[in-house]
Amino acid sequence: MYKGQVSQDVAEAIGLTVHHITGPEDDWLFERASEQAWLQRRPVLLLCSRDALLGVAA
């Protein structure tokens, strides 16, 4: 599938933390996810919306 429909379910099934980035106001999640990945020693999945990638406020 596409647009996070399968990737989120698969990530949660294998125990990964998932964060949704919906716009520029969620930029702080990048730092949080980096810290989580380092502390947990596990990957963290960041799902970015189209608006977040283009820098458009949600």
N, C-alpha and C. Protein backbone atom coordinates (compact mmCIF):
# COMPACT_ATOMS: atom_id res chain seq x y z
N MET A 1 0.82 -1.19 0.00
CA MET A 1 0.00 0.00 0.00
C MET A 1 0.87 1.25 0.00
N TYR A 2 0.25 2.38 0.18
CA TYR A 2 0.91 3.67 0.02
C TYR A 2 0.39 4.65 1.04
N LYS A 3 1.11 5.72 1.25
CA LYS A 3 0.74 6.82 2.14
C LYS A 3 0.58 6.38 3.59
N GLY A 4 1.48 5.55 4.06
CA GLY A 4 1.50 5.19 5.46
C GLY A 4 0.48 4.16 5.90
N GLN A 5 -0.36 3.70 5.01
CA GLN A 5 -1.41 2.77 5.40
C GLN A 5 -0.85 1.44 5.86
N VAL A 6 0.19 0.96 5.21
CA VAL A 6 0.80 -0.30 5.61
C VAL A 6 2.03 -0.04 6.47
N SER A 7 2.79 0.97 6.14
CA SER A 7 4.04 1.19 6.86
C SER A 7 3.80 1.44 8.35
N GLN A 8 2.74 2.15 8.72
CA GLN A 8 2.47 2.39 10.14
C GLN A 8 2.10 1.09 10.84
N ASP A 9 1.24 0.30 10.23
CA ASP A 9 0.83 -0.97 10.84
C ASP A 9 2.02 -1.91 11.00
N VAL A 10 2.85 -1.99 9.99
CA VAL A 10 4.03 -2.87 10.05
C VAL A 10 5.00 -2.37 11.13
N ALA A 11 5.24 -1.06 11.17
CA ALA A 11 6.15 -0.50 12.17
C ALA A 11 5.66 -0.78 13.58
N GLU A 12 4.37 -0.58 13.81
CA GLU A 12 3.81 -0.84 15.14
C GLU A 12 3.87 -2.32 15.48
N ALA A 13 3.68 -3.18 14.49
CA ALA A 13 3.71 -4.62 14.73
C ALA A 13 5.10 -5.09 15.17
N ILE A 14 6.14 -4.44 14.67
CA ILE A 14 7.49 -4.83 15.07
C ILE A 14 8.02 -3.97 16.22
N GLY A 15 7.15 -3.14 16.79
CA GLY A 15 7.50 -2.41 18.00
C GLY A 15 8.21 -1.09 17.82
N LEU A 16 8.11 -0.50 16.64
CA LEU A 16 8.76 0.80 16.41
C LEU A 16 7.83 1.94 16.82
N THR A 17 8.43 3.03 17.26
CA THR A 17 7.67 4.23 17.57
C THR A 17 7.38 4.96 16.26
N VAL A 18 6.14 5.46 16.12
CA VAL A 18 5.72 6.15 14.90
C VAL A 18 5.29 7.57 15.26
N HIS A 19 5.82 8.55 14.52
CA HIS A 19 5.40 9.95 14.68
C HIS A 19 4.88 10.46 13.34
N HIS A 20 3.83 11.27 13.39
CA HIS A 20 3.26 11.87 12.18
C HIS A 20 3.65 13.33 12.13
N ILE A 21 4.30 13.72 11.04
CA ILE A 21 4.68 15.11 10.81
C ILE A 21 3.67 15.67 9.81
N THR A 22 2.86 16.64 10.24
CA THR A 22 1.81 17.16 9.37
C THR A 22 2.09 18.56 8.83
N GLY A 23 3.06 19.25 9.41
CA GLY A 23 3.38 20.58 8.93
C GLY A 23 4.60 21.13 9.64
N PRO A 24 4.96 22.36 9.33
CA PRO A 24 6.15 22.97 9.94
C PRO A 24 6.06 23.07 11.46
N GLU A 25 4.86 23.13 12.00
CA GLU A 25 4.71 23.22 13.46
C GLU A 25 5.14 21.94 14.16
N ASP A 26 5.32 20.86 13.42
CA ASP A 26 5.75 19.58 14.00
C ASP A 26 7.25 19.35 13.87
N ASP A 27 7.99 20.36 13.49
CA ASP A 27 9.45 20.21 13.31
C ASP A 27 10.14 19.70 14.57
N TRP A 28 9.62 20.03 15.74
CA TRP A 28 10.22 19.60 17.01
C TRP A 28 10.24 18.07 17.12
N LEU A 29 9.36 17.38 16.39
CA LEU A 29 9.32 15.91 16.45
C LEU A 29 10.59 15.27 15.90
N PHE A 30 11.28 15.96 14.99
CA PHE A 30 12.53 15.40 14.46
C PHE A 30 13.55 15.22 15.58
N GLU A 31 13.69 16.23 16.42
CA GLU A 31 14.63 16.13 17.53
C GLU A 31 14.18 15.06 18.54
N ARG A 32 12.90 15.04 18.83
CA ARG A 32 12.37 14.05 19.78
C ARG A 32 12.58 12.63 19.26
N ALA A 33 12.31 12.42 17.98
CA ALA A 33 12.47 11.08 17.39
C ALA A 33 13.93 10.67 17.40
N SER A 34 14.82 11.61 17.14
CA SER A 34 16.25 11.31 17.17
C SER A 34 16.68 10.88 18.57
N GLU A 35 16.21 11.60 19.58
CA GLU A 35 16.53 11.25 20.96
C GLU A 35 15.96 9.88 21.34
N GLN A 36 14.72 9.62 20.93
CA GLN A 36 14.09 8.33 21.22
C GLN A 36 14.87 7.19 20.59
N ALA A 37 15.24 7.37 19.33
CA ALA A 37 15.98 6.32 18.63
C ALA A 37 17.31 6.03 19.34
N TRP A 38 17.97 7.08 19.78
CA TRP A 38 19.25 6.92 20.46
C TRP A 38 19.08 6.24 21.81
N LEU A 39 18.09 6.68 22.59
CA LEU A 39 17.88 6.11 23.92
C LEU A 39 17.36 4.67 23.87
N GLN A 40 16.46 4.39 22.94
CA GLN A 40 15.88 3.05 22.84
C GLN A 40 16.74 2.10 22.00
N ARG A 41 17.71 2.67 21.29
CA ARG A 41 18.56 1.90 20.38
C ARG A 41 17.73 1.10 19.37
N ARG A 42 16.68 1.77 18.89
CA ARG A 42 15.77 1.20 17.89
C ARG A 42 15.39 2.30 16.90
N PRO A 43 15.10 1.93 15.68
CA PRO A 43 14.66 2.94 14.71
C PRO A 43 13.32 3.56 15.12
N VAL A 44 13.11 4.77 14.68
CA VAL A 44 11.85 5.48 14.88
C VAL A 44 11.35 5.89 13.49
N LEU A 45 10.07 5.71 13.25
CA LEU A 45 9.49 6.01 11.95
C LEU A 45 8.82 7.38 11.98
N LEU A 46 9.20 8.27 11.06
CA LEU A 46 8.57 9.57 10.91
C LEU A 46 7.78 9.56 9.60
N LEU A 47 6.47 9.69 9.71
CA LEU A 47 5.62 9.75 8.53
C LEU A 47 5.30 11.21 8.25
N CYS A 48 5.77 11.71 7.11
CA CYS A 48 5.61 13.12 6.76
C CYS A 48 4.51 13.28 5.72
N SER A 49 3.61 14.23 5.98
CA SER A 49 2.57 14.54 5.00
C SER A 49 3.18 15.36 3.87
N ARG A 50 2.44 15.49 2.80
CA ARG A 50 2.90 16.28 1.67
C ARG A 50 3.12 17.73 2.09
N ASP A 51 2.19 18.27 2.87
CA ASP A 51 2.32 19.66 3.33
C ASP A 51 3.58 19.85 4.18
N ALA A 52 3.89 18.88 5.00
CA ALA A 52 5.10 18.98 5.83
C ALA A 52 6.36 18.99 4.95
N LEU A 53 6.37 18.19 3.92
CA LEU A 53 7.53 18.15 3.04
C LEU A 53 7.69 19.45 2.24
N LEU A 54 6.56 20.09 1.93
CA LEU A 54 6.60 21.34 1.17
C LEU A 54 6.71 22.56 2.07
N GLY A 55 6.57 22.38 3.39
CA GLY A 55 6.68 23.51 4.32
C GLY A 55 5.41 24.33 4.43
N VAL A 56 4.27 23.75 4.05
CA VAL A 56 2.99 24.44 4.11
C VAL A 56 2.36 24.22 5.48
N ALA A 57 1.92 25.28 6.13
CA ALA A 57 1.28 25.15 7.45
C ALA A 57 -0.04 24.41 7.30
N ALA A 58 -0.31 23.50 8.25
CA ALA A 58 -1.53 22.69 8.18
C ALA A 58 -2.74 23.47 8.62
